[in-house]
């Protein structure tokens, strides 16, 4: 037997889950598995805090902030620091690319950015948020958003400009 809260949350998840997965995929530079985990963590946190979410002045900002916090929490896990990265994963099936997806070159370049720089770029340029909304989502000052964005763009230009095979944007 579902109550009204469960029905509201179900409607929210049905309407917003796909957009949350897209945002999480961008924040993780294309790591679909981590993106799914982040969305699940975010939805769990939202369910627990559903009354606070409903009272929020900016529900979209609340969701973005919760998603960024989930990413930050994930990056702090002890086992994450002990994993070894590999240049190529063996026997990996190629993921189908939907129209409008990021090019492989941009995805690789984004992956090399620190998570906060990547998040600043995603919110500013992929979601066209202004500096204030991005600062709110990241929990930092507007000046930090501006500097992180400028540095991230400089790094992307350097990487994409120095390797023509990556510059297929």
Protein backbone atom coordinates (compact mmCIF):
# COMPACT_ATOMS: atom_id res chain seq x y z
CA UNK A 1 0.00 0.00 0.00
CA UNK A 2 1.57 3.25 -1.15
CA UNK A 3 1.07 6.54 0.60
CA UNK A 4 0.99 9.99 -1.01
CA UNK A 5 4.72 10.55 -0.37
CA UNK A 6 5.60 7.34 -2.21
CA UNK A 7 3.39 8.31 -5.14
CA UNK A 8 4.97 11.76 -5.39
CA UNK A 9 8.47 10.29 -5.23
CA UNK A 10 7.59 7.68 -7.85
CA UNK A 11 6.33 10.40 -10.22
CA UNK A 12 9.50 12.41 -9.62
CA UNK A 13 11.74 9.42 -10.37
CA UNK A 14 9.77 8.49 -13.48
CA UNK A 15 10.07 12.02 -14.87
CA UNK A 16 13.65 12.90 -13.81
CA UNK A 17 15.72 9.72 -13.67
CA UNK A 18 16.91 9.83 -17.29
CA UNK A 19 18.08 13.44 -16.93
CA UNK A 20 19.86 12.56 -13.68
CA UNK A 21 21.68 9.69 -15.37
CA UNK A 22 22.77 12.01 -18.22
CA UNK A 23 24.09 14.56 -15.74
CA UNK A 24 25.85 11.90 -13.67
CA UNK A 25 27.41 10.44 -16.82
CA UNK A 26 28.81 13.84 -17.70
CA UNK A 27 30.07 14.37 -14.15
CA UNK A 28 31.87 11.01 -14.27
CA UNK A 29 33.26 11.65 -17.77
CA UNK A 30 31.35 8.78 -19.32
CA UNK A 31 31.56 6.13 -16.59
CA UNK A 32 28.04 4.74 -16.99
CA UNK A 33 28.32 2.31 -14.08
CA UNK A 34 29.45 4.97 -11.63
CA UNK A 35 26.78 7.31 -13.00
CA UNK A 36 24.06 4.74 -12.25
CA UNK A 37 25.45 4.29 -8.72
CA UNK A 38 25.46 8.05 -8.17
CA UNK A 39 21.88 8.41 -9.34
CA UNK A 40 20.79 5.57 -7.06
CA UNK A 41 22.55 7.20 -4.09
CA UNK A 42 21.01 10.55 -4.97
CA UNK A 43 17.51 9.11 -5.22
CA UNK A 44 17.94 7.31 -1.89
CA UNK A 45 19.03 10.55 -0.21
CA UNK A 46 16.13 12.42 -1.81
CA UNK A 47 13.61 9.85 -0.61
CA UNK A 48 14.87 10.15 2.95
CA UNK A 49 14.79 13.95 2.74
CA UNK A 50 11.63 14.19 0.63
CA UNK A 51 9.82 16.71 2.88
CA UNK A 52 12.88 19.03 2.81
CA UNK A 53 13.13 18.62 -0.97
CA UNK A 54 9.50 19.63 -1.40
CA UNK A 55 10.03 22.75 0.71
CA UNK A 56 13.18 23.77 -1.18
CA UNK A 57 13.10 27.13 -2.95
CA UNK A 58 15.10 25.67 -5.85
CA UNK A 59 14.29 21.94 -6.28
CA UNK A 60 16.55 21.61 -9.34
CA UNK A 61 19.45 23.09 -7.41
CA UNK A 62 18.69 20.74 -4.51
CA UNK A 63 18.91 17.72 -6.81
CA UNK A 64 22.12 18.94 -8.47
CA UNK A 65 23.73 19.57 -5.09
CA UNK A 66 22.71 16.11 -3.87
CA UNK A 67 24.21 14.56 -7.01
CA UNK A 68 27.50 16.42 -6.60
CA UNK A 69 27.61 15.42 -2.93
CA UNK A 70 27.10 11.79 -3.93
CA UNK A 71 30.02 12.08 -6.35
CA UNK A 72 32.19 13.66 -3.66
CA UNK A 73 31.27 10.90 -1.20
CA UNK A 74 32.08 8.27 -3.81
CA UNK A 75 35.51 9.76 -4.52
CA UNK A 76 36.32 9.70 -0.80
CA UNK A 77 35.73 5.98 -0.35
CA UNK A 78 38.86 4.16 0.80
CA UNK A 79 38.63 1.36 -1.76
CA UNK A 80 38.37 3.90 -4.57
CA UNK A 81 41.85 5.20 -3.70
CA UNK A 82 43.34 1.71 -3.79
CA UNK A 83 42.01 0.78 -7.23
CA UNK A 84 44.44 0.69 -10.11
CA UNK A 85 43.47 2.39 -13.33
CA UNK A 86 44.22 0.66 -16.61
CA UNK A 87 44.70 2.31 -19.95
CA UNK A 88 42.49 -0.26 -21.70
CA UNK A 89 39.89 -2.58 -20.30
CA UNK A 90 40.14 -5.99 -21.98
CA UNK A 91 37.15 -7.55 -23.70
CA UNK A 92 34.99 -4.49 -23.31
CA UNK A 93 32.01 -4.17 -25.58
CA UNK A 94 31.68 -0.83 -27.32
CA UNK A 95 28.81 1.19 -25.94
CA UNK A 96 26.36 2.44 -28.55
CA UNK A 97 26.48 6.21 -28.94
CA UNK A 98 23.24 8.09 -29.00
CA UNK A 99 22.98 11.09 -31.24
CA UNK A 100 24.16 14.14 -29.35
CA UNK A 101 26.54 12.14 -27.13
CA UNK A 102 30.00 13.44 -26.39
CA UNK A 103 32.73 12.54 -28.81
CA UNK A 104 35.32 10.09 -27.54
CA UNK A 105 37.97 12.81 -27.65
CA UNK A 106 36.02 15.15 -25.42
CA UNK A 107 35.10 12.31 -23.07
CA UNK A 108 38.79 11.38 -22.70
CA UNK A 109 39.75 15.01 -22.13
CA UNK A 110 37.01 15.45 -19.51
CA UNK A 111 38.09 12.28 -17.75
CA UNK A 112 41.55 13.79 -17.17
CA UNK A 113 40.12 16.82 -15.36
CA UNK A 114 39.75 16.83 -11.57
CA UNK A 115 36.13 16.16 -10.52
CA UNK A 116 35.41 19.73 -9.35
CA UNK A 117 36.66 21.24 -12.63
CA UNK A 118 34.65 18.70 -14.59
CA UNK A 119 31.52 19.48 -12.56
CA UNK A 120 31.98 23.21 -13.12
CA UNK A 121 32.21 22.66 -16.89
CA UNK A 122 29.24 20.30 -16.98
CA UNK A 123 26.95 22.67 -15.12
CA UNK A 124 28.14 25.83 -16.89
CA UNK A 125 28.31 24.60 -20.49
CA UNK A 126 26.35 21.38 -20.85
CA UNK A 127 23.44 22.57 -18.70
CA UNK A 128 23.90 26.29 -19.35
CA UNK A 129 23.65 27.28 -15.68
CA UNK A 130 24.84 30.71 -14.70
CA UNK A 131 27.77 31.20 -12.35
CA UNK A 132 25.55 31.64 -9.27
CA UNK A 133 23.57 28.43 -9.87
CA UNK A 134 26.77 26.50 -10.55
CA UNK A 135 28.31 27.85 -7.34
CA UNK A 136 25.18 26.77 -5.46
CA UNK A 137 25.33 23.27 -6.95
CA UNK A 138 29.02 22.89 -6.10
CA UNK A 139 28.82 24.56 -2.69
CA UNK A 140 31.51 27.12 -3.46
CA UNK A 141 31.89 30.82 -4.28
CA UNK A 142 31.20 32.32 -7.68
CA UNK A 143 34.87 33.24 -7.98
CA UNK A 144 35.81 29.58 -7.52
CA UNK A 145 33.41 28.59 -10.30
CA UNK A 146 34.95 31.18 -12.62
CA UNK A 147 38.53 30.13 -11.89
CA UNK A 148 37.76 26.39 -12.07
CA UNK A 149 35.93 26.88 -15.35
CA UNK A 150 38.75 28.97 -16.86
CA UNK A 151 41.41 26.47 -15.81
CA UNK A 152 39.36 23.53 -17.07
CA UNK A 153 38.83 25.19 -20.46
CA UNK A 154 42.57 25.91 -20.70
CA UNK A 155 43.33 22.25 -19.99
CA UNK A 156 40.78 21.04 -22.54
CA UNK A 157 42.17 23.40 -25.19
CA UNK A 158 45.70 22.16 -24.48
CA UNK A 159 44.71 18.49 -24.66
CA UNK A 160 42.39 18.77 -27.65
CA UNK A 161 44.71 21.15 -29.49
CA UNK A 162 47.83 19.02 -29.01
CA UNK A 163 46.21 15.79 -30.16
CA UNK A 164 44.27 16.23 -33.43
CA UNK A 165 42.73 12.77 -33.11
CA UNK A 166 40.94 13.90 -29.93
CA UNK A 167 39.68 17.13 -31.41
CA UNK A 168 36.65 15.55 -33.09
CA UNK A 169 34.09 17.56 -31.15
